[in-house]
Amino acid sequence: MAPGAKEDLRFGDDSFDDSFQHIHVGQGHSVGMANNVEARKFLPYALIVAGLIIIIGGGIAFALVDEREPAAVRAASEYSHSSIAPGDDETSTSSPTFRYDTESNANPVHESKLEPSIFYLPTSQPTTSTTAAEPTPIPSNVPVATEQPTKRNTYHTIIVGAGAAGLAAAYTLQNEGSKLSSDRIHVLESADTLGGRVQKSTTFAPYPLDLGASFVQYDDEIEAIVGVDRLAKPDNTGLPIFVNYTWWDFFNDIIAPKDKENVIEYGCRVVVVDYLAFSTNDDDNAIMTQCDDGRSFFSHHVITTVPLSILRDGVIDFRPPLPRSMTTFHPGLPVWEGFKIFLEVRKANFLDESHIESIAPDGYLTETGENLFWKLSSVHETLENGNEIIAGYLLGDQSHPFIDLDDEAIIQEILELLDDQYDGEASRFYVRGFVKNWSKDANVRGTLSTWGYDKPVDEGGPGYPSGAQNIYNSNKVWIAGEAFPIDGSNGWVDSGAFSGDEAARQIIELTQGTKVGPDLFWTRVKNNLSI
């Protein structure tokens, strides 16, 4: 409904209430209508006239609503009511079972954060946790948006989130097809640096450490971009990791806008995406995106790339609401909880260098979780003191016994599990360690969407959602990220980047009438570097 229409209808209702109240008060007054024969005589005619006025006034109000509300806005409203996942109930209050801690767990060695998915995972089936989540409400103290669209705050496309999906979307918009200038694109990031689910540390070791995603899925394509000396495979892992480089470096150096200081707005936690704001026709800058401090931005298009956990918890107030098949009924729920851990040890021979080790009795991967541990010295040099660094992570239900502990307690618990397998050698040679607990990161609240949820129907999966989602069928608002993969494989850095790229390509095709591709996103990045 267009702005102003709601106020018109409310005015009509208030007028009717006032008239009714006036008659009621008069009936109780000593000289009122109830005690006045002449007034009673004309009462039926007065009521008939009042009714006609209300009917005519209502017709005018609805005519104004229909005239002021563009077809695309009406379609959005209809879509929001009709797009409910199979089996959904409009009155249902059920929520996915997932527990999280919204408090940030900042570590002094954490330098940056990125949105992409975490870790290399083989296929498994979706599962549920046993602990229920409590949704995070929209802050009640969010300032009311008073800004109007101006040249200063109006853009072609607003991108919510500066992670793999958001940065890939910005890259494609700036470098492909329309080649939009930097001042036409704006990226809003809640953290104080580009990121989400990729961070790095440069203080724990003489080489940078990936605190989030480790493995490189499209290794040939990435190697062609960064060079052969920046990728190597730990013994028998099957997939390489970065050497003296990280996923964060890759996005910061190559994918992020060159003038990112002007394009990316940090500390802007988006709480509202209003598709109906200030819309008078389909060509206006109708979409308002608002941060929790009241900053407002207006655009033709919005690409939202926040983690599925943020969509699930309703942190962003989408107007109209998103279909629940993309939030609380998304097939990628529950989001897997998890953390990454690094241990410096004086001797790491207890870890067999021929393969990645698991500390779980059922192996490194189950349908509900995963854990992996490996020696970084298999691709990096040992430390100057001769010590080595062990990297590992626990995801899904394998992380649940530890996720609420503080970092030091998690380290001690993991050392005890390693001791059980290696005759106490882990604790005996332990020097120091640290943990990145993704479930306690308020901007992320977990790791990746349930691994393997996006399998096609013929393989036992739901086959939905696939790729970036065009919300409201509007060609205006998109949802992208690792939980909306285009290649049938959620949970990867690549999945997030490809999804954000897809949303940007659709916008270019709509606005310019030309298609981008069909080359893979990484291939196009490599080709652009060669120009």
Protein backbone atom coordinates (compact mmCIF):
# COMPACT_ATOMS: atom_id res chain seq x y z
CA MET A 1 0.00 0.00 0.00
CA ALA A 2 1.37 3.41 -0.93
CA PRO A 3 2.43 5.92 1.71
CA GLY A 4 -0.45 8.09 2.75
CA ALA A 5 -3.12 5.50 1.89
CA LYS A 6 -2.91 3.93 5.31
CA GLU A 7 -3.24 7.32 6.97
CA ASP A 8 -6.28 8.09 4.76
CA LEU A 9 -8.02 4.92 5.90
CA ARG A 10 -7.16 5.56 9.53
CA PHE A 11 -8.60 9.07 9.25
CA GLY A 12 -11.86 7.62 7.95
CA ASP A 13 -12.02 5.16 10.84
CA ASP A 14 -11.30 7.85 13.40
CA SER A 15 -14.03 10.07 11.96
CA PHE A 16 -16.55 7.27 12.29
CA ASP A 17 -15.50 6.59 15.87
CA ASP A 18 -15.84 10.26 16.77
CA SER A 19 -19.35 10.44 15.29
CA PHE A 20 -20.43 7.35 17.15
CA GLN A 21 -19.03 8.66 20.40
CA HIS A 22 -20.81 11.97 19.98
CA ILE A 23 -24.18 10.29 19.50
CA HIS A 24 -23.55 8.05 22.48
CA VAL A 25 -22.68 10.94 24.76
CA GLY A 26 -25.73 12.84 23.56
CA GLN A 27 -28.02 9.96 24.47
CA GLY A 28 -26.81 10.09 28.06
CA HIS A 29 -27.16 13.86 28.41
CA SER A 30 -30.19 15.41 30.08
CA VAL A 31 -30.96 17.45 26.99
CA GLY A 32 -29.55 14.88 24.53
CA MET A 33 -31.12 12.89 21.75
CA ALA A 34 -32.53 10.16 23.94
CA ASN A 35 -34.71 12.69 25.81
CA ASN A 36 -35.56 14.94 22.90
CA VAL A 37 -38.57 13.94 20.83
CA GLU A 38 -37.63 16.20 17.94
CA ALA A 39 -34.14 14.83 17.83
CA ARG A 40 -35.51 11.27 17.91
CA LYS A 41 -37.78 12.14 15.01
CA PHE A 42 -34.91 13.09 12.76
CA LEU A 43 -32.48 10.43 14.04
CA PRO A 44 -33.14 7.86 11.23
CA TYR A 45 -32.49 10.47 8.55
CA ALA A 46 -29.31 11.61 10.28
CA LEU A 47 -28.03 8.03 10.43
CA ILE A 48 -28.81 7.48 6.73
CA VAL A 49 -26.92 10.65 5.78
CA ALA A 50 -23.96 9.68 7.99
CA GLY A 51 -23.85 6.22 6.40
CA LEU A 52 -23.82 7.70 2.89
CA ILE A 53 -20.96 10.03 3.86
CA ILE A 54 -18.91 7.12 5.20
CA ILE A 55 -19.52 5.00 2.09
CA ILE A 56 -18.61 7.82 -0.29
CA GLY A 57 -15.52 8.74 1.79
CA GLY A 58 -14.35 5.13 1.84
CA GLY A 59 -14.74 4.86 -1.93
CA ILE A 60 -12.65 7.98 -2.44
CA ALA A 61 -9.94 6.65 -0.08
CA PHE A 62 -9.71 3.32 -1.90
CA ALA A 63 -9.64 5.11 -5.23
CA LEU A 64 -6.69 7.14 -4.00
CA VAL A 65 -4.94 3.97 -2.80
CA ASP A 66 -5.41 2.27 -6.17
CA GLU A 67 -4.22 5.37 -8.03
CA ARG A 68 -1.12 5.88 -5.91
CA GLU A 69 -0.02 2.28 -5.58
CA PRO A 70 2.03 0.96 -8.53
CA ALA A 71 1.34 -2.48 -9.94
CA ALA A 72 4.68 -3.83 -8.76
CA VAL A 73 3.92 -2.81 -5.17
CA ARG A 74 0.51 -4.47 -5.25
CA ALA A 75 2.14 -7.59 -6.68
CA ALA A 76 4.67 -7.56 -3.86
CA SER A 77 1.93 -7.43 -1.28
CA GLU A 78 0.05 -10.29 -2.94
CA TYR A 79 3.26 -12.32 -3.24
CA SER A 80 4.08 -11.92 0.44
CA HIS A 81 0.73 -13.46 1.38
CA SER A 82 0.79 -16.27 -1.16
CA SER A 83 4.43 -17.38 -1.00
CA ILE A 84 4.31 -19.70 1.99
CA ALA A 85 6.24 -22.93 2.01
CA PRO A 86 4.24 -26.15 1.58
CA GLY A 87 2.76 -27.08 4.91
CA ASP A 88 3.11 -23.57 6.34
CA ASP A 89 0.35 -22.23 8.50
CA GLU A 90 -0.18 -18.50 8.69
CA THR A 91 -0.81 -18.79 12.42
CA SER A 92 2.01 -21.19 13.13
CA THR A 93 4.38 -20.15 15.90
CA SER A 94 6.84 -23.00 15.54
CA SER A 95 10.49 -22.07 15.13
CA PRO A 96 13.59 -23.98 14.09
CA THR A 97 15.50 -25.59 16.90
CA PHE A 98 18.81 -23.83 17.22
CA ARG A 99 20.65 -22.18 20.06
CA TYR A 100 22.99 -19.25 19.80
CA ASP A 101 24.62 -16.57 21.87
CA THR A 102 24.16 -13.06 20.49
CA GLU A 103 27.08 -11.66 22.45
CA SER A 104 30.20 -10.95 20.45
CA ASN A 105 33.28 -12.97 21.37
CA ALA A 106 35.95 -10.67 20.00
CA ASN A 107 39.47 -12.03 20.18
CA PRO A 108 42.42 -9.62 20.05
CA VAL A 109 43.96 -11.61 17.22
CA HIS A 110 40.82 -11.45 15.07
CA GLU A 111 41.53 -8.88 12.40
CA SER A 112 38.74 -9.21 9.88
CA LYS A 113 35.46 -10.91 9.15
CA LEU A 114 33.92 -12.22 5.95
CA GLU A 115 30.46 -13.57 5.02
CA PRO A 116 31.22 -16.78 3.03
CA SER A 117 30.58 -20.32 4.11
CA ILE A 118 32.82 -22.33 6.40
CA PHE A 119 34.94 -25.36 5.65
CA TYR A 120 34.99 -28.26 3.22
CA LEU A 121 32.17 -30.68 3.88
CA PRO A 122 31.02 -33.86 2.10
CA THR A 123 27.29 -34.35 1.61
CA SER A 124 25.04 -35.20 4.55
CA GLN A 125 21.36 -34.94 5.41
CA PRO A 126 19.70 -32.01 7.22
CA THR A 127 19.20 -32.37 10.92
CA THR A 128 17.82 -30.47 13.87
CA SER A 129 19.34 -29.46 17.16
CA THR A 130 17.69 -30.16 20.50
CA THR A 131 17.89 -26.61 21.79
CA ALA A 132 15.33 -24.06 20.65
CA ALA A 133 16.35 -20.66 19.38
CA GLU A 134 14.91 -17.42 20.62
CA PRO A 135 14.54 -14.96 17.73
CA THR A 136 16.27 -11.62 18.05
CA PRO A 137 13.65 -8.86 17.96
CA ILE A 138 14.00 -5.71 15.93
CA PRO A 139 15.49 -3.13 18.34
CA SER A 140 12.74 -1.00 19.81
CA ASN A 141 14.96 2.06 19.85
CA VAL A 142 15.62 2.19 16.10
CA PRO A 143 15.20 5.83 15.09
CA VAL A 144 12.25 6.55 12.83
CA ALA A 145 13.48 7.15 9.30
CA THR A 146 12.97 10.77 8.39
CA GLU A 147 15.38 11.07 5.47
CA GLN A 148 14.06 11.49 1.97
CA PRO A 149 15.78 10.29 -1.22
CA THR A 150 18.50 12.76 -2.22
CA LYS A 151 21.52 12.63 -4.47
CA ARG A 152 23.64 12.05 -1.37
CA ASN A 153 21.88 8.90 -0.16
CA THR A 154 20.43 7.44 -3.38
CA TYR A 155 22.11 4.65 -5.34
CA HIS A 156 21.48 2.27 -8.19
CA THR A 157 22.04 -0.79 -5.97
CA ILE A 158 22.41 -1.25 -2.21
CA ILE A 159 24.18 -4.44 -1.11
CA VAL A 160 23.62 -5.62 2.46
CA GLY A 161 26.69 -7.46 3.72
CA ALA A 162 30.36 -7.21 2.68
CA GLY A 163 31.10 -10.91 2.63
CA ALA A 164 31.75 -13.29 -0.24
CA ALA A 165 28.29 -12.84 -1.75
CA GLY A 166 28.12 -9.09 -1.20
CA LEU A 167 31.62 -8.40 -2.49
CA ALA A 168 31.09 -10.65 -5.52
CA ALA A 169 27.86 -8.79 -6.32
CA ALA A 170 29.64 -5.43 -6.07
CA TYR A 171 32.48 -6.74 -8.25
CA THR A 172 30.14 -7.89 -11.00
CA LEU A 173 28.13 -4.66 -10.99
CA GLN A 174 31.29 -2.58 -11.25
CA ASN A 175 33.24 -4.73 -13.71
CA GLU A 176 30.72 -6.47 -15.94
CA GLY A 177 28.01 -5.35 -18.29
CA SER A 178 26.83 -1.97 -17.11
CA LYS A 179 30.13 -1.18 -15.38
CA LEU A 180 28.41 0.99 -12.80
CA SER A 181 30.60 3.64 -11.24
CA SER A 182 31.44 3.35 -7.57
CA ASP A 183 29.09 6.14 -6.58
CA ARG A 184 26.15 4.12 -7.93
CA ILE A 185 26.80 1.13 -5.64
CA HIS A 186 26.90 1.12 -1.85
CA VAL A 187 27.65 -1.80 0.48
CA LEU A 188 26.37 -1.78 4.08
CA GLU A 189 28.33 -3.91 6.56
CA SER A 190 27.46 -4.37 10.23
CA ALA A 191 31.05 -5.13 11.30
CA ASP A 192 33.97 -2.71 11.32
CA THR A 193 35.72 -4.40 8.41
CA LEU A 194 34.71 -6.27 5.29
CA GLY A 195 33.61 -9.74 6.27
CA GLY A 196 31.38 -12.13 8.02
CA ARG A 197 32.49 -15.74 8.03
CA VAL A 198 36.07 -15.22 6.88
CA GLN A 199 38.57 -13.63 9.20
CA LYS A 200 42.31 -13.85 9.55
CA SER A 201 44.94 -13.67 12.26
CA THR A 202 48.44 -12.33 11.71
CA THR A 203 49.63 -12.47 15.33
CA PHE A 204 49.40 -16.12 16.31
CA ALA A 205 51.84 -17.41 13.67
CA PRO A 206 54.46 -15.92 11.35
CA TYR A 207 52.03 -16.55 8.50
CA PRO A 208 48.38 -15.45 8.27
CA LEU A 209 45.74 -17.91 9.48
CA ASP A 210 42.26 -18.40 8.07
CA LEU A 211 39.87 -18.18 11.01
CA GLY A 212 36.90 -19.19 8.90
CA ALA A 213 36.85 -21.03 5.61
CA SER A 214 39.98 -23.08 4.95
CA PHE A 215 39.69 -25.18 1.83
CA VAL A 216 39.58 -24.00 -1.78
CA GLN A 217 36.96 -25.83 -3.83
CA TYR A 218 37.71 -24.40 -7.29
CA ASP A 219 41.44 -24.72 -6.88
CA ASP A 220 42.38 -24.53 -10.57
CA GLU A 221 40.46 -21.29 -11.04
CA ILE A 222 41.73 -19.70 -7.82
CA GLU A 223 45.29 -20.79 -8.57
CA ALA A 224 45.04 -19.06 -11.94
CA ILE A 225 44.15 -15.84 -10.10
CA VAL A 226 46.59 -15.87 -7.16
CA GLY A 227 49.43 -18.01 -8.54
CA VAL A 228 50.65 -21.54 -7.88
CA ASP A 229 52.78 -20.56 -4.90
CA ARG A 230 49.78 -19.48 -2.84
CA LEU A 231 47.97 -22.85 -2.74
CA ALA A 232 49.06 -26.18 -1.35
CA LYS A 233 47.38 -29.35 -0.16
CA PRO A 234 47.90 -30.57 3.39
CA ASP A 235 48.78 -34.25 3.33
CA ASN A 236 45.98 -36.23 1.76
CA THR A 237 43.28 -33.60 2.33
CA GLY A 238 42.13 -33.73 -1.27
CA LEU A 239 41.73 -29.95 -1.39
CA PRO A 240 44.27 -27.17 -1.02
CA ILE A 241 44.46 -24.30 1.44
CA PHE A 242 46.12 -20.91 1.05
CA VAL A 243 49.82 -20.58 1.85
CA ASN A 244 51.04 -17.26 3.30
CA TYR A 245 47.67 -15.93 2.18
CA THR A 246 44.03 -16.27 3.26
CA TRP A 247 40.51 -16.12 1.91
CA TRP A 248 40.25 -12.69 3.56
CA ASP A 249 43.30 -11.47 1.62
CA PHE A 250 41.82 -12.84 -1.59
CA PHE A 251 38.57 -10.88 -1.23
CA ASN A 252 40.26 -7.77 0.10
CA ASP A 253 42.91 -7.65 -2.64
CA ILE A 254 41.02 -8.87 -5.69
CA ILE A 255 37.23 -8.91 -5.29
CA ALA A 256 36.46 -5.89 -3.07
CA PRO A 257 35.98 -2.52 -4.79
CA LYS A 258 39.27 -0.71 -5.32
CA ASP A 259 37.79 2.36 -3.62
CA LYS A 260 36.19 0.27 -0.88
CA GLU A 261 36.71 3.06 1.66
CA ASN A 262 33.99 5.00 -0.16
CA VAL A 263 31.84 2.09 -1.33
CA ILE A 264 31.59 0.09 1.90
CA GLU A 265 29.89 1.68 4.90
CA TYR A 266 30.96 -0.10 8.10
CA GLY A 267 29.15 -0.29 11.42
CA CYS A 268 25.81 -0.12 9.62
CA ARG A 269 23.62 -2.91 10.97
CA VAL A 270 20.67 -3.11 8.62
CA VAL A 271 17.33 -3.56 10.37
CA VAL A 272 14.84 -2.50 7.67
CA VAL A 273 14.50 -3.21 3.95
CA ASP A 274 11.32 -1.46 2.88
CA TYR A 275 10.26 -2.26 -0.67
CA LEU A 276 7.19 -0.05 -0.34
CA ALA A 277 8.86 3.13 0.91
CA PHE A 278 8.39 6.32 -1.10
CA SER A 279 7.16 4.38 -4.14
CA THR A 280 4.95 6.18 -6.63
CA ASN A 281 5.87 4.28 -9.78
CA ASP A 282 8.06 1.38 -10.84
CA ASP A 283 10.94 3.62 -11.90
CA ASP A 284 11.43 5.54 -8.66
CA ASN A 285 14.08 4.84 -6.05
CA ALA A 286 11.39 3.09 -4.06
CA ILE A 287 13.45 0.86 -1.74
CA MET A 288 14.60 2.17 1.62
CA THR A 289 17.34 0.34 3.53
CA GLN A 290 17.78 1.52 7.11
CA CYS A 291 20.48 0.84 9.70
CA ASP A 292 19.93 0.59 13.44
CA ASP A 293 21.29 4.09 14.02
CA GLY A 294 18.75 5.65 11.66
CA ARG A 295 20.97 6.03 8.59
CA SER A 296 18.76 5.51 5.54
CA PHE A 297 19.63 4.71 1.94
CA PHE A 298 17.46 4.58 -1.17
CA SER A 299 17.97 2.56 -4.34
CA HIS A 300 16.49 0.97 -7.43
CA HIS A 301 17.71 -2.47 -6.29
CA VAL A 302 18.79 -4.22 -3.09
CA ILE A 303 20.85 -7.41 -2.77
CA THR A 304 20.73 -8.84 0.76
CA THR A 305 23.59 -11.26 1.48
CA VAL A 306 23.40 -11.78 5.25
CA PRO A 307 23.80 -15.29 6.73
CA LEU A 308 20.75 -17.55 6.89
CA SER A 309 20.83 -17.26 10.69
CA ILE A 310 20.19 -13.51 10.41
CA LEU A 311 17.20 -14.15 8.12
CA ARG A 312 15.97 -16.87 10.46
CA ASP A 313 16.09 -14.63 13.52
CA GLY A 314 14.24 -11.73 11.88
CA VAL A 315 17.05 -9.26 12.49
CA ILE A 316 16.00 -7.41 9.32
CA ASP A 317 12.42 -6.18 9.03
CA PHE A 318 11.54 -6.86 5.40
CA ARG A 319 8.49 -4.95 4.20
CA PRO A 320 6.49 -6.85 2.97
CA PRO A 321 7.74 -9.86 4.98
CA LEU A 322 9.84 -12.49 3.26
CA PRO A 323 8.13 -15.82 2.57
CA ARG A 324 8.95 -18.16 5.42
CA SER A 325 10.43 -20.67 2.99
CA MET A 326 13.40 -18.28 2.95
CA THR A 327 13.53 -17.72 6.70
CA THR A 328 12.16 -19.96 9.45
CA PHE A 329 11.15 -22.72 7.01
CA HIS A 330 14.30 -22.60 4.90
CA PRO A 331 15.41 -26.21 4.18
CA GLY A 332 18.98 -25.28 5.14
CA LEU A 333 18.04 -24.95 8.81
CA PRO A 334 19.31 -25.50 11.37
CA VAL A 335 22.42 -23.44 10.78
CA TRP A 336 25.34 -25.49 12.05
CA GLU A 337 27.00 -24.11 15.13
CA GLY A 338 30.76 -24.33 15.28
CA PHE A 339 34.21 -22.96 16.03
CA LYS A 340 37.75 -23.10 14.72
CA ILE A 341 40.74 -23.78 16.96
CA PHE A 342 44.52 -23.39 16.66
CA LEU A 343 47.02 -25.10 18.98
CA GLU A 344 50.75 -24.51 19.15
CA VAL A 345 52.57 -27.64 20.33
CA ARG A 346 56.23 -28.47 20.87
CA LYS A 347 55.79 -31.77 19.08
CA ALA A 348 53.04 -32.83 16.72
CA ASN A 349 54.23 -36.25 15.64
CA PHE A 350 51.25 -37.75 17.44
CA LEU A 351 49.16 -36.51 14.52
CA ASP A 352 49.63 -38.82 11.57
CA GLU A 353 50.77 -36.66 8.66
CA SER A 354 49.28 -39.05 6.11
CA HIS A 355 45.72 -37.84 6.68
CA ILE A 356 43.50 -35.41 8.54
CA GLU A 357 42.62 -36.66 11.99
CA SER A 358 39.24 -36.76 13.71
CA ILE A 359 38.56 -36.53 17.43
CA ALA A 360 35.02 -37.92 17.20
CA PRO A 361 34.46 -41.65 17.75
CA ASP A 362 32.16 -41.85 14.71
CA GLY A 363 34.72 -40.28 12.38
CA TYR A 364 35.14 -36.80 11.07
CA LEU A 365 31.74 -36.52 9.34
CA THR A 366 28.21 -37.54 10.26
CA GLU A 367 24.83 -36.40 8.98
CA THR A 368 24.64 -33.83 11.75
CA GLY A 369 28.17 -32.51 12.15
CA GLU A 370 31.87 -32.66 11.36
CA ASN A 371 35.32 -32.18 12.82
CA LEU A 372 38.74 -32.04 11.17
CA PHE A 373 42.28 -31.50 12.48
CA TRP A 374 45.50 -31.14 10.50
CA LYS A 375 49.08 -29.96 10.87
CA LEU A 376 49.74 -26.64 9.22
CA SER A 377 53.43 -27.58 9.03
CA SER A 378 52.53 -29.87 6.16
CA VAL A 379 52.17 -26.75 3.98
CA HIS A 380 53.86 -24.08 6.15
CA GLU A 381 57.25 -23.97 7.76
CA THR A 382 57.65 -24.82 11.43
CA LEU A 383 58.00 -21.93 13.85
CA GLU A 384 61.41 -20.47 14.67
CA ASN A 385 61.35 -22.26 18.00
CA GLY A 386 60.69 -25.56 16.22
CA ASN A 387 57.09 -25.76 17.35
CA GLU A 388 54.17 -26.60 15.09
CA ILE A 389 50.59 -25.42 14.77
CA ILE A 390 47.57 -27.69 14.61
CA ALA A 391 44.39 -26.33 13.04
CA GLY A 392 40.94 -27.81 13.46
CA TYR A 393 37.23 -27.16 13.67
CA LEU A 394 34.04 -28.69 15.02
CA LEU A 395 30.66 -28.11 13.37
CA GLY A 396 27.04 -29.06 13.97
CA ASP A 397 26.18 -31.33 16.86
CA GLN A 398 29.85 -32.23 17.30
CA SER A 399 30.39 -28.68 18.57
CA HIS A 400 27.40 -28.59 20.92
CA PRO A 401 29.19 -29.83 24.09
CA PHE A 402 31.68 -26.95 23.81
CA ILE A 403 29.95 -24.05 22.10
CA ASP A 404 28.83 -22.26 25.29
CA LEU A 405 32.22 -22.55 27.01
CA ASP A 406 34.78 -19.76 27.06
CA ASP A 407 37.76 -20.08 24.77
CA GLU A 408 40.18 -21.46 27.35
CA ALA A 409 37.67 -24.09 28.46
CA ILE A 410 37.15 -25.16 24.85
CA ILE A 411 40.91 -25.55 24.39
CA GLN A 412 41.18 -27.72 27.50
CA GLU A 413 38.29 -29.92 26.39
CA ILE A 414 39.80 -30.43 22.93
CA LEU A 415 43.20 -31.24 24.44
CA GLU A 416 41.57 -33.91 26.60
CA LEU A 417 39.93 -35.48 23.55
CA LEU A 418 43.28 -35.50 21.73
CA ASP A 419 44.92 -36.96 24.84
CA ASP A 420 42.46 -39.85 24.80
CA GLN A 421 43.65 -40.81 21.34
CA TYR A 422 47.34 -39.98 21.69
CA ASP A 423 48.28 -41.06 25.23
CA GLY A 424 48.23 -37.59 26.74
CA GLU A 425 50.74 -36.14 24.27
CA ALA A 426 48.51 -33.22 23.26
CA SER A 427 48.42 -31.70 26.76
CA ARG A 428 52.04 -32.60 27.45
CA PHE A 429 53.33 -30.67 24.45
CA TYR A 430 50.70 -27.89 24.39
CA VAL A 431 52.05 -24.32 24.42
CA ARG A 432 49.16 -21.98 23.59
CA GLY A 433 46.02 -21.71 21.49
CA PHE A 434 43.02 -19.65 20.56
CA VAL A 435 39.46 -20.15 19.35
CA LYS A 436 37.19 -18.37 16.91
CA ASN A 437 33.69 -19.24 18.14
CA TRP A 438 31.40 -18.44 15.22
CA SER A 439 28.26 -19.18 17.20
CA LYS A 440 29.09 -16.27 19.52
CA ASP A 441 29.71 -13.83 16.69
CA ALA A 442 26.64 -11.57 16.79
CA ASN A 443 26.91 -10.81 13.06
CA VAL A 444 27.03 -14.49 12.03
CA ARG A 445 25.49 -16.76 14.74
CA GLY A 446 26.81 -20.06 13.46
CA THR A 447 28.76 -21.41 10.52
CA LEU A 448 26.94 -22.68 7.44
CA SER A 449 23.47 -23.84 6.47
CA THR A 450 22.85 -27.55 7.06
CA TRP A 451 25.22 -29.33 4.74
CA GLY A 452 23.66 -30.98 1.71
CA TYR A 453 20.17 -29.48 2.13
CA ASP A 454 20.14 -28.28 -1.47
CA LYS A 455 20.40 -31.70 -3.08
CA PRO A 456 18.01 -32.10 -6.02
CA VAL A 457 14.72 -33.89 -5.55
CA ASP A 458 15.91 -37.05 -7.34
CA GLU A 459 18.66 -37.37 -4.72
CA GLY A 460 16.33 -37.05 -1.76
CA GLY A 461 16.61 -33.29 -1.28
CA PRO A 462 13.98 -30.56 -1.54
CA GLY A 463 15.52 -29.02 -4.63
CA TYR A 464 14.84 -25.52 -3.26
CA PRO A 465 15.91 -22.78 -3.09
CA SER A 466 18.31 -22.66 -6.01
CA GLY A 467 20.39 -19.57 -6.65
CA ALA A 468 19.80 -15.95 -5.74
CA GLN A 469 16.14 -15.31 -5.01
CA ASN A 470 14.20 -12.53 -6.76
CA ILE A 471 11.95 -11.51 -3.86
CA TYR A 472 8.32 -10.50 -4.47
CA ASN A 473 8.93 -11.26 -8.19
CA SER A 474 9.87 -7.60 -8.17
CA ASN A 475 13.15 -7.48 -10.10
CA LYS A 476 14.09 -5.11 -7.29
CA VAL A 477 15.07 -7.13 -4.19
CA TRP A 478 17.31 -10.21 -4.13
CA ILE A 479 18.47 -12.61 -1.43
CA ALA A 480 21.86 -14.27 -2.02
CA GLY A 481 24.51 -16.19 -0.09
CA GLU A 482 25.86 -19.67 0.56
CA ALA A 483 22.39 -20.83 1.62
CA PHE A 484 21.12 -19.91 -1.87
CA PRO A 485 23.70 -21.68 -4.07
CA ILE A 486 23.59 -21.93 -7.84
CA ASP A 487 25.84 -24.96 -8.20
CA GLY A 488 23.99 -27.46 -6.00
CA SER A 489 26.49 -27.19 -3.16
CA ASN A 490 25.88 -24.94 -0.16
CA GLY A 491 28.39 -24.21 2.55
CA TRP A 492 31.35 -23.04 0.49
CA VAL A 493 32.99 -19.66 0.01
CA ASP A 494 32.43 -20.24 -3.69
CA SER A 495 28.71 -20.87 -3.10
CA GLY A 496 28.29 -17.44 -1.56
CA ALA A 497 30.33 -15.67 -4.24
CA PHE A 498 28.49 -17.38 -7.11
CA SER A 499 25.10 -16.54 -5.58
CA GLY A 500 25.94 -12.85 -5.15
CA ASP A 501 27.33 -12.76 -8.68
CA GLU A 502 24.11 -14.27 -10.01
CA ALA A 503 21.97 -11.56 -8.39
CA ALA A 504 24.21 -8.88 -9.89
CA ARG A 505 24.07 -10.47 -13.33
CA GLN A 506 20.29 -10.47 -13.22
CA ILE A 507 20.26 -6.77 -12.37
CA ILE A 508 22.60 -6.02 -15.27
CA GLU A 509 20.41 -7.96 -17.67
CA LEU A 510 17.31 -6.13 -16.46
CA THR A 511 18.79 -2.65 -16.58
CA GLN A 512 21.03 -2.96 -19.61
CA GLY A 513 19.48 -5.79 -21.59
CA THR A 514 22.77 -7.70 -21.90
CA LYS A 515 23.81 -10.99 -20.32
CA VAL A 516 27.04 -11.50 -18.40
CA GLY A 517 28.94 -14.72 -18.82
CA PRO A 518 28.41 -17.58 -19.31
CA ASP A 519 31.87 -18.12 -17.78
CA LEU A 520 32.23 -19.06 -14.13
CA PHE A 521 32.64 -16.07 -11.81
CA TRP A 522 36.24 -16.99 -10.94
CA THR A 523 37.05 -17.33 -14.65
CA ARG A 524 35.69 -13.86 -15.36
CA VAL A 525 37.74 -12.47 -12.48
CA LYS A 526 40.87 -14.03 -13.98
CA ASN A 527 40.03 -12.66 -17.43
CA ASN A 528 39.51 -9.16 -16.02
CA LEU A 529 42.94 -9.30 -14.37
CA SER A 530 44.45 -10.02 -17.77
CA ILE A 531 42.89 -6.96 -19.41
